[in-house]
Amino acid sequence: MDIKEFLDNKEIKPKDKTEELSKRIVNKDISISDLIAFAEKSKDPVKATCIEALEFATRQDPSLATEQILEFVAKTLTEKAPRIKWESAKVVGNIAHNFPGKLDTAIDHLLTNTEHTGTVVRWSAAFALGEVLKMNTALNKELLPAVEAIIEREEKNSIKKIYQAAMKKLKK
């Protein structure tokens, strides 16, 4: 069954589709290139499901990460649909350590998403930026002051705590 047939199957619950797609990615039954090509042509809900499957898979096995995934999710961080933004941010957080020299675009888009009205979008951006901070690379020279400013303006303590936890790990 191809990706479209699988995702169009009304007998499978959406959550089960995401989990099964993720398993197929991890087991290499589905090519990441094929999934991304399919997602790029899909409507927002289907695209978000594909990105969520990538998130599940890269959380389970970050070594699955490719530059193609990073480029794809960095680009989708700018999409209008909040679910696409937050799933993309979580993928970035899962794989950032694999690409320390290629995160500039993703970081720029994540910083933009820290001002989004949606709490989950801001939370996911905080998660990803926190993971980048914890890598303690040259990126932190510009990222630390930006995160400190975000902490000052962020209203939700749950989001502030993500940044503060990442900064605390830097001091150790």
N, C-alpha and C. Protein backbone atom coordinates (compact mmCIF):
# COMPACT_ATOMS: atom_id res chain seq x y z
N MET A 1 0.85 -1.18 0.00
CA MET A 1 0.00 0.00 0.00
C MET A 1 0.89 1.24 0.00
N ASP A 2 0.64 2.16 -0.92
CA ASP A 2 1.46 3.37 -0.97
C ASP A 2 0.99 4.37 0.10
N ILE A 3 1.74 5.45 0.25
CA ILE A 3 1.48 6.43 1.31
C ILE A 3 0.09 7.04 1.16
N LYS A 4 -0.28 7.41 -0.05
CA LYS A 4 -1.58 8.04 -0.27
C LYS A 4 -2.71 7.09 0.09
N GLU A 5 -2.63 5.86 -0.41
CA GLU A 5 -3.66 4.87 -0.09
C GLU A 5 -3.78 4.68 1.42
N PHE A 6 -2.64 4.55 2.06
CA PHE A 6 -2.62 4.34 3.51
C PHE A 6 -3.28 5.49 4.25
N LEU A 7 -2.89 6.73 3.92
CA LEU A 7 -3.43 7.89 4.62
C LEU A 7 -4.89 8.17 4.26
N ASP A 8 -5.32 7.72 3.09
CA ASP A 8 -6.72 7.89 2.69
C ASP A 8 -7.65 6.85 3.32
N ASN A 9 -7.09 5.81 3.90
CA ASN A 9 -7.89 4.73 4.48
C ASN A 9 -8.69 5.24 5.68
N LYS A 10 -10.00 5.29 5.53
CA LYS A 10 -10.89 5.83 6.58
C LYS A 10 -11.07 4.84 7.73
N GLU A 11 -10.68 3.59 7.54
CA GLU A 11 -10.86 2.58 8.60
C GLU A 11 -9.78 2.68 9.68
N ILE A 12 -8.72 3.41 9.38
CA ILE A 12 -7.62 3.56 10.35
C ILE A 12 -7.75 4.92 11.02
N LYS A 13 -7.69 4.92 12.36
CA LYS A 13 -7.79 6.17 13.12
C LYS A 13 -6.56 7.04 12.85
N PRO A 14 -6.74 8.37 12.88
CA PRO A 14 -5.61 9.27 12.58
C PRO A 14 -4.37 9.00 13.44
N LYS A 15 -4.56 8.78 14.73
CA LYS A 15 -3.41 8.53 15.60
C LYS A 15 -2.69 7.24 15.19
N ASP A 16 -3.48 6.23 14.83
CA ASP A 16 -2.89 4.97 14.39
C ASP A 16 -2.12 5.13 13.08
N LYS A 17 -2.63 6.00 12.22
CA LYS A 17 -1.93 6.27 10.95
C LYS A 17 -0.55 6.85 11.23
N THR A 18 -0.52 7.82 12.15
CA THR A 18 0.76 8.47 12.49
C THR A 18 1.74 7.45 13.05
N GLU A 19 1.27 6.63 13.98
CA GLU A 19 2.15 5.63 14.60
C GLU A 19 2.65 4.61 13.58
N GLU A 20 1.75 4.15 12.72
CA GLU A 20 2.14 3.16 11.71
C GLU A 20 3.11 3.76 10.71
N LEU A 21 2.86 4.98 10.29
CA LEU A 21 3.76 5.67 9.36
C LEU A 21 5.14 5.82 10.00
N SER A 22 5.16 6.17 11.26
CA SER A 22 6.42 6.30 11.99
C SER A 22 7.18 4.97 12.02
N LYS A 23 6.48 3.90 12.32
CA LYS A 23 7.11 2.57 12.34
C LYS A 23 7.70 2.23 10.97
N ARG A 24 6.95 2.56 9.94
CA ARG A 24 7.42 2.27 8.57
C ARG A 24 8.66 3.09 8.23
N ILE A 25 8.75 4.30 8.77
CA ILE A 25 9.95 5.12 8.56
C ILE A 25 11.13 4.48 9.28
N VAL A 26 10.92 4.14 10.56
CA VAL A 26 11.99 3.54 11.36
C VAL A 26 12.48 2.23 10.75
N ASN A 27 11.54 1.42 10.27
CA ASN A 27 11.90 0.13 9.67
C ASN A 27 12.39 0.26 8.23
N LYS A 28 12.40 1.49 7.74
CA LYS A 28 12.83 1.79 6.37
C LYS A 28 11.94 1.13 5.30
N ASP A 29 10.67 0.93 5.67
CA ASP A 29 9.68 0.42 4.72
C ASP A 29 9.17 1.55 3.83
N ILE A 30 9.33 2.77 4.33
CA ILE A 30 8.96 3.97 3.56
C ILE A 30 10.21 4.82 3.46
N SER A 31 10.49 5.27 2.28
CA SER A 31 11.63 6.15 2.08
C SER A 31 11.28 7.56 2.58
N ILE A 32 12.21 8.14 3.30
CA ILE A 32 12.01 9.49 3.81
C ILE A 32 11.82 10.46 2.64
N SER A 33 12.58 10.26 1.58
CA SER A 33 12.44 11.13 0.40
C SER A 33 11.04 11.04 -0.18
N ASP A 34 10.50 9.82 -0.26
CA ASP A 34 9.14 9.65 -0.78
C ASP A 34 8.11 10.31 0.12
N LEU A 35 8.29 10.16 1.44
CA LEU A 35 7.35 10.75 2.39
C LEU A 35 7.37 12.27 2.28
N ILE A 36 8.55 12.85 2.20
CA ILE A 36 8.66 14.30 2.09
C ILE A 36 8.06 14.79 0.77
N ALA A 37 8.35 14.10 -0.31
CA ALA A 37 7.78 14.49 -1.61
C ALA A 37 6.26 14.42 -1.56
N PHE A 38 5.72 13.39 -0.93
CA PHE A 38 4.27 13.27 -0.78
C PHE A 38 3.72 14.41 0.08
N ALA A 39 4.37 14.67 1.21
CA ALA A 39 3.91 15.71 2.14
C ALA A 39 3.91 17.08 1.49
N GLU A 40 4.94 17.36 0.71
CA GLU A 40 5.04 18.69 0.06
C GLU A 40 3.86 18.98 -0.85
N LYS A 41 3.26 17.94 -1.41
CA LYS A 41 2.13 18.12 -2.34
C LYS A 41 0.78 17.98 -1.64
N SER A 42 0.79 17.69 -0.35
CA SER A 42 -0.45 17.39 0.37
C SER A 42 -1.06 18.62 1.02
N LYS A 43 -2.33 18.50 1.36
CA LYS A 43 -3.02 19.56 2.11
C LYS A 43 -2.51 19.53 3.54
N ASP A 44 -2.75 20.62 4.26
CA ASP A 44 -2.18 20.81 5.59
C ASP A 44 -2.40 19.66 6.57
N PRO A 45 -3.62 19.11 6.71
CA PRO A 45 -3.78 18.03 7.69
C PRO A 45 -2.93 16.80 7.38
N VAL A 46 -2.83 16.45 6.12
CA VAL A 46 -2.02 15.29 5.72
C VAL A 46 -0.54 15.61 5.87
N LYS A 47 -0.14 16.81 5.48
CA LYS A 47 1.25 17.24 5.64
C LYS A 47 1.64 17.17 7.12
N ALA A 48 0.75 17.65 7.99
CA ALA A 48 1.02 17.63 9.43
C ALA A 48 1.16 16.21 9.94
N THR A 49 0.35 15.30 9.44
CA THR A 49 0.46 13.89 9.85
C THR A 49 1.80 13.32 9.42
N CYS A 50 2.25 13.64 8.23
CA CYS A 50 3.55 13.17 7.75
C CYS A 50 4.68 13.72 8.62
N ILE A 51 4.59 14.99 8.97
CA ILE A 51 5.63 15.61 9.81
C ILE A 51 5.58 15.01 11.22
N GLU A 52 4.38 14.77 11.72
CA GLU A 52 4.26 14.14 13.05
C GLU A 52 4.88 12.74 13.03
N ALA A 53 4.70 12.01 11.95
CA ALA A 53 5.33 10.68 11.83
C ALA A 53 6.85 10.81 11.82
N LEU A 54 7.36 11.83 11.14
CA LEU A 54 8.80 12.10 11.17
C LEU A 54 9.26 12.44 12.58
N GLU A 55 8.42 13.18 13.31
CA GLU A 55 8.76 13.53 14.69
C GLU A 55 8.85 12.29 15.56
N PHE A 56 7.85 11.41 15.47
CA PHE A 56 7.87 10.16 16.24
C PHE A 56 9.13 9.36 15.89
N ALA A 57 9.40 9.24 14.60
CA ALA A 57 10.53 8.42 14.14
C ALA A 57 11.87 9.00 14.58
N THR A 58 12.04 10.32 14.46
CA THR A 58 13.33 10.92 14.83
C THR A 58 13.50 11.01 16.34
N ARG A 59 12.40 11.01 17.08
CA ARG A 59 12.52 10.96 18.54
C ARG A 59 13.01 9.57 18.96
N GLN A 60 12.47 8.57 18.29
CA GLN A 60 12.86 7.19 18.58
C GLN A 60 14.28 6.89 18.10
N ASP A 61 14.63 7.41 16.93
CA ASP A 61 15.94 7.13 16.34
C ASP A 61 16.45 8.38 15.62
N PRO A 62 17.12 9.30 16.37
CA PRO A 62 17.60 10.54 15.75
C PRO A 62 18.58 10.31 14.60
N SER A 63 19.17 9.14 14.53
CA SER A 63 20.12 8.87 13.45
C SER A 63 19.42 8.76 12.09
N LEU A 64 18.11 8.68 12.09
CA LEU A 64 17.36 8.67 10.83
C LEU A 64 17.43 10.02 10.13
N ALA A 65 17.80 11.03 10.89
CA ALA A 65 17.79 12.40 10.37
C ALA A 65 18.70 12.56 9.17
N THR A 66 18.16 13.24 8.18
CA THR A 66 18.94 13.58 6.99
C THR A 66 18.86 15.09 6.81
N GLU A 67 19.77 15.61 6.01
CA GLU A 67 19.68 17.05 5.69
C GLU A 67 18.37 17.36 5.00
N GLN A 68 17.86 16.42 4.24
CA GLN A 68 16.59 16.64 3.55
C GLN A 68 15.47 16.87 4.57
N ILE A 69 15.46 16.10 5.64
CA ILE A 69 14.45 16.31 6.68
C ILE A 69 14.62 17.68 7.30
N LEU A 70 15.86 18.02 7.66
CA LEU A 70 16.10 19.33 8.27
C LEU A 70 15.64 20.46 7.36
N GLU A 71 16.00 20.41 6.10
CA GLU A 71 15.60 21.45 5.15
C GLU A 71 14.08 21.53 5.01
N PHE A 72 13.44 20.37 4.96
CA PHE A 72 11.98 20.30 4.83
C PHE A 72 11.30 20.93 6.04
N VAL A 73 11.68 20.51 7.25
CA VAL A 73 11.00 21.03 8.44
C VAL A 73 11.37 22.49 8.71
N ALA A 74 12.58 22.89 8.34
CA ALA A 74 12.94 24.31 8.49
C ALA A 74 12.02 25.16 7.63
N LYS A 75 11.72 24.67 6.44
CA LYS A 75 10.83 25.39 5.53
C LYS A 75 9.39 25.37 6.04
N THR A 76 8.95 24.23 6.57
CA THR A 76 7.55 24.13 7.01
C THR A 76 7.28 24.87 8.32
N LEU A 77 8.33 25.31 9.00
CA LEU A 77 8.14 26.14 10.19
C LEU A 77 7.44 27.45 9.84
N THR A 78 7.45 27.83 8.57
CA THR A 78 6.83 29.08 8.13
C THR A 78 5.40 28.89 7.62
N GLU A 79 4.92 27.66 7.61
CA GLU A 79 3.56 27.40 7.11
C GLU A 79 2.54 28.08 8.01
N LYS A 80 1.34 28.25 7.50
CA LYS A 80 0.29 28.92 8.26
C LYS A 80 -0.30 28.02 9.35
N ALA A 81 -0.48 26.75 9.06
CA ALA A 81 -1.15 25.83 9.99
C ALA A 81 -0.32 25.61 11.26
N PRO A 82 -0.89 25.89 12.41
CA PRO A 82 -0.14 25.72 13.66
C PRO A 82 0.39 24.30 13.87
N ARG A 83 -0.40 23.29 13.54
CA ARG A 83 0.06 21.91 13.76
C ARG A 83 1.32 21.62 12.95
N ILE A 84 1.41 22.15 11.76
CA ILE A 84 2.61 21.96 10.94
C ILE A 84 3.80 22.64 11.63
N LYS A 85 3.58 23.85 12.13
CA LYS A 85 4.65 24.58 12.82
C LYS A 85 5.15 23.80 14.03
N TRP A 86 4.22 23.31 14.86
CA TRP A 86 4.69 22.69 16.09
C TRP A 86 5.29 21.32 15.85
N GLU A 87 4.79 20.56 14.91
CA GLU A 87 5.41 19.25 14.61
C GLU A 87 6.79 19.46 13.98
N SER A 88 6.92 20.45 13.12
CA SER A 88 8.21 20.75 12.50
C SER A 88 9.24 21.15 13.55
N ALA A 89 8.82 21.98 14.51
CA ALA A 89 9.73 22.41 15.57
C ALA A 89 10.22 21.22 16.39
N LYS A 90 9.31 20.28 16.67
CA LYS A 90 9.72 19.11 17.45
C LYS A 90 10.72 18.26 16.68
N VAL A 91 10.55 18.16 15.37
CA VAL A 91 11.54 17.42 14.56
C VAL A 91 12.89 18.12 14.66
N VAL A 92 12.90 19.43 14.53
CA VAL A 92 14.16 20.18 14.65
C VAL A 92 14.82 19.89 15.99
N GLY A 93 14.03 19.91 17.05
CA GLY A 93 14.57 19.62 18.37
C GLY A 93 15.16 18.23 18.48
N ASN A 94 14.53 17.27 17.82
CA ASN A 94 15.02 15.89 17.85
C ASN A 94 16.33 15.70 17.10
N ILE A 95 16.53 16.47 16.04
CA ILE A 95 17.67 16.19 15.14
C ILE A 95 18.74 17.27 15.13
N ALA A 96 18.54 18.36 15.82
CA ALA A 96 19.46 19.50 15.76
C ALA A 96 20.91 19.10 16.02
N HIS A 97 21.11 18.20 16.98
CA HIS A 97 22.49 17.81 17.33
C HIS A 97 23.22 17.12 16.18
N ASN A 98 22.48 16.64 15.20
CA ASN A 98 23.11 16.01 14.03
C ASN A 98 23.62 17.02 13.00
N PHE A 99 23.15 18.27 13.11
CA PHE A 99 23.46 19.28 12.09
C PHE A 99 23.84 20.63 12.70
N PRO A 100 24.82 20.67 13.59
CA PRO A 100 25.12 21.93 14.29
C PRO A 100 25.48 23.09 13.36
N GLY A 101 26.01 22.81 12.19
CA GLY A 101 26.41 23.87 11.28
C GLY A 101 25.37 24.26 10.25
N LYS A 102 24.19 23.65 10.34
CA LYS A 102 23.18 23.88 9.31
C LYS A 102 21.83 24.33 9.88
N LEU A 103 21.87 24.96 11.03
CA LEU A 103 20.63 25.28 11.73
C LEU A 103 20.16 26.73 11.58
N ASP A 104 20.90 27.55 10.87
CA ASP A 104 20.57 28.97 10.81
C ASP A 104 19.14 29.26 10.36
N THR A 105 18.70 28.63 9.28
CA THR A 105 17.35 28.87 8.77
C THR A 105 16.31 28.40 9.78
N ALA A 106 16.51 27.20 10.32
CA ALA A 106 15.57 26.67 11.30
C ALA A 106 15.49 27.60 12.52
N ILE A 107 16.63 28.06 13.00
CA ILE A 107 16.64 28.94 14.17
C ILE A 107 15.90 30.24 13.88
N ASP A 108 16.13 30.82 12.71
CA ASP A 108 15.42 32.05 12.34
C ASP A 108 13.91 31.85 12.38
N HIS A 109 13.44 30.74 11.81
CA HIS A 109 12.00 30.47 11.77
C HIS A 109 11.47 30.13 13.17
N LEU A 110 12.25 29.43 13.96
CA LEU A 110 11.84 29.12 15.33
C LEU A 110 11.70 30.40 16.15
N LEU A 111 12.65 31.31 15.98
CA LEU A 111 12.57 32.58 16.70
C LEU A 111 11.31 33.36 16.32
N THR A 112 10.95 33.32 15.06
CA THR A 112 9.70 33.95 14.62
C THR A 112 8.50 33.30 15.31
N ASN A 113 8.55 31.96 15.41
CA ASN A 113 7.42 31.23 16.01
C ASN A 113 7.29 31.45 17.51
N THR A 114 8.33 32.01 18.15
CA THR A 114 8.22 32.30 19.58
C THR A 114 7.22 33.43 19.85
N GLU A 115 6.82 34.12 18.80
CA GLU A 115 5.86 35.21 18.95
C GLU A 115 4.46 34.81 18.47
N HIS A 116 4.28 33.55 18.11
CA HIS A 116 2.99 33.06 17.62
C HIS A 116 1.95 33.12 18.73
N THR A 117 0.70 33.31 18.36
CA THR A 117 -0.36 33.37 19.37
C THR A 117 -0.65 32.01 19.99
N GLY A 118 -0.34 30.94 19.28
CA GLY A 118 -0.63 29.59 19.78
C GLY A 118 0.40 29.11 20.80
N THR A 119 -0.08 28.69 21.95
CA THR A 119 0.79 28.22 23.02
C THR A 119 1.62 27.01 22.57
N VAL A 120 0.99 26.07 21.88
CA VAL A 120 1.71 24.85 21.47
C VAL A 120 2.82 25.19 20.47
N VAL A 121 2.57 26.15 19.60
CA VAL A 121 3.61 26.58 18.65
C VAL A 121 4.79 27.17 19.42
N ARG A 122 4.49 28.04 20.39
CA ARG A 122 5.57 28.65 21.19
C ARG A 122 6.29 27.60 22.04
N TRP A 123 5.54 26.66 22.60
CA TRP A 123 6.13 25.59 23.41
C TRP A 123 7.10 24.76 22.55
N SER A 124 6.66 24.39 21.36
CA SER A 124 7.49 23.57 20.47
C SER A 124 8.73 24.33 20.02
N ALA A 125 8.58 25.62 19.75
CA ALA A 125 9.74 26.44 19.39
C ALA A 125 10.71 26.48 20.57
N ALA A 126 10.18 26.59 21.78
CA ALA A 126 11.04 26.60 22.98
C ALA A 126 11.78 25.27 23.12
N PHE A 127 11.08 24.18 22.88
CA PHE A 127 11.73 22.86 22.94
C PHE A 127 12.91 22.80 21.97
N ALA A 128 12.66 23.18 20.72
CA ALA A 128 13.71 23.10 19.69
C ALA A 128 14.87 24.05 20.01
N LEU A 129 14.54 25.28 20.36
CA LEU A 129 15.60 26.24 20.68
C LEU A 129 16.37 25.81 21.92
N GLY A 130 15.68 25.21 22.88
CA GLY A 130 16.36 24.68 24.06
C GLY A 130 17.35 23.59 23.71
N GLU A 131 16.96 22.72 22.78
CA GLU A 131 17.86 21.65 22.35
C GLU A 131 19.08 22.23 21.65
N VAL A 132 18.88 23.27 20.87
CA VAL A 132 20.01 23.94 20.20
C VAL A 132 20.92 24.58 21.24
N LEU A 133 20.33 25.25 22.21
CA LEU A 133 21.13 25.88 23.28
C LEU A 133 21.99 24.85 23.99
N LYS A 134 21.41 23.71 24.33
CA LYS A 134 22.12 22.67 25.08
C LYS A 134 23.32 22.12 24.32
N MET A 135 23.33 22.29 23.01
CA MET A 135 24.48 21.82 22.21
C MET A 135 25.72 22.66 22.51
N ASN A 136 25.50 23.87 23.04
CA ASN A 136 26.57 24.78 23.43
C ASN A 136 27.59 25.01 22.32
N THR A 137 27.09 25.47 21.19
CA THR A 137 27.93 25.76 20.04
C THR A 137 28.09 27.28 19.88
N ALA A 138 28.77 27.68 18.83
CA ALA A 138 28.94 29.10 18.54
C ALA A 138 27.60 29.79 18.29
N LEU A 139 26.57 29.03 17.96
CA LEU A 139 25.23 29.59 17.74
C LEU A 139 24.72 30.30 19.00
N ASN A 140 25.18 29.84 20.16
CA ASN A 140 24.69 30.41 21.41
C ASN A 140 25.05 31.87 21.61
N LYS A 141 26.09 32.34 20.91
CA LYS A 141 26.49 33.74 21.06
C LYS A 141 25.32 34.66 20.73
N GLU A 142 24.59 34.34 19.68
CA GLU A 142 23.43 35.15 19.29
C GLU A 142 22.13 34.61 19.88
N LEU A 143 22.08 33.30 20.11
CA LEU A 143 20.85 32.68 20.57
C LEU A 143 20.55 32.99 22.04
N LEU A 144 21.58 33.01 22.87
CA LEU A 144 21.36 33.27 24.30
C LEU A 144 20.67 34.62 24.57
N PRO A 145 21.16 35.71 24.00
CA PRO A 145 20.46 36.98 24.24
C PRO A 145 19.02 36.97 23.70
N ALA A 146 18.81 36.29 22.59
CA ALA A 146 17.46 36.21 22.02
C ALA A 146 16.54 35.44 22.96
N VAL A 147 17.04 34.35 23.51
CA VAL A 147 16.25 33.54 24.44
C VAL A 147 15.96 34.31 25.73
N GLU A 148 16.94 35.06 26.20
CA GLU A 148 16.72 35.87 27.40
C GLU A 148 15.60 36.88 27.17
N ALA A 149 15.56 37.47 25.99
CA ALA A 149 14.49 38.42 25.65
C ALA A 149 13.14 37.70 25.55
N ILE A 150 13.15 36.49 25.01
CA ILE A 150 11.91 35.70 24.90
C ILE A 150 11.37 35.41 26.30
N ILE A 151 12.25 35.02 27.21
CA ILE A 151 11.84 34.71 28.58
C ILE A 151 11.18 35.93 29.22
N GLU A 152 11.72 37.11 28.95
CA GLU A 152 11.15 38.34 29.52
C GLU A 152 9.73 38.61 29.03
N ARG A 153 9.45 38.32 27.78
CA ARG A 153 8.14 38.66 27.22
C ARG A 153 7.13 37.50 27.28
N GLU A 154 7.62 36.27 27.44
CA GLU A 154 6.72 35.10 27.44
C GLU A 154 5.84 35.11 28.69
N GLU A 155 4.55 34.92 28.47
CA GLU A 155 3.59 34.95 29.56
C GLU A 155 3.44 33.60 30.26
N LYS A 156 3.64 32.52 29.54
CA LYS A 156 3.41 31.18 30.09
C LYS A 156 4.66 30.67 30.81
N ASN A 157 4.50 30.36 32.09
CA ASN A 157 5.62 29.82 32.86
C ASN A 157 6.10 28.49 32.33
N SER A 158 5.17 27.68 31.80
CA SER A 158 5.56 26.37 31.27
C SER A 158 6.55 26.52 30.12
N ILE A 159 6.39 27.57 29.35
CA ILE A 159 7.30 27.81 28.22
C ILE A 159 8.61 28.41 28.74
N LYS A 160 8.52 29.35 29.66
CA LYS A 160 9.74 29.94 30.25
C LYS A 160 10.62 28.85 30.85
N LYS A 161 10.01 27.88 31.50
CA LYS A 161 10.76 26.81 32.17
C LYS A 161 11.58 25.97 31.19
N ILE A 162 11.09 25.82 29.99
CA ILE A 162 11.84 25.07 28.97
C ILE A 162 13.16 25.78 28.67
N TYR A 163 13.07 27.08 28.45
CA TYR A 163 14.27 27.86 28.18
C TYR A 163 15.20 27.88 29.40
N GLN A 164 14.62 28.08 30.57
CA GLN A 164 15.44 28.15 31.79
C GLN A 164 16.15 26.82 32.05
N ALA A 165 15.49 25.71 31.79
CA ALA A 165 16.12 24.40 31.98
C ALA A 165 17.30 24.22 31.02
N ALA A 166 17.13 24.66 29.79
CA ALA A 166 18.22 24.56 28.80
C ALA A 166 19.39 25.44 29.22
N MET A 167 19.09 26.64 29.69
CA MET A 167 20.16 27.56 30.12
C MET A 167 20.87 27.03 31.37
N LYS A 168 20.13 26.38 32.24
CA LYS A 168 20.73 25.80 33.44
C LYS A 168 21.73 24.70 33.08
N LYS A 169 21.40 23.91 32.06
CA LYS A 169 22.31 22.85 31.62
C LYS A 169 23.60 23.43 31.04
N LEU A 170 23.53 24.64 30.51
CA LEU A 170 24.72 25.30 29.97
C LEU A 170 25.71 25.66 31.08
N LYS A 171 25.17 26.00 32.23
CA LYS A 171 26.01 26.48 33.32
C LYS A 171 26.73 25.34 34.04
N LYS A 172 26.30 24.12 33.80
CA LYS A 172 26.94 22.97 34.46
C LYS A 172 28.25 22.61 33.83
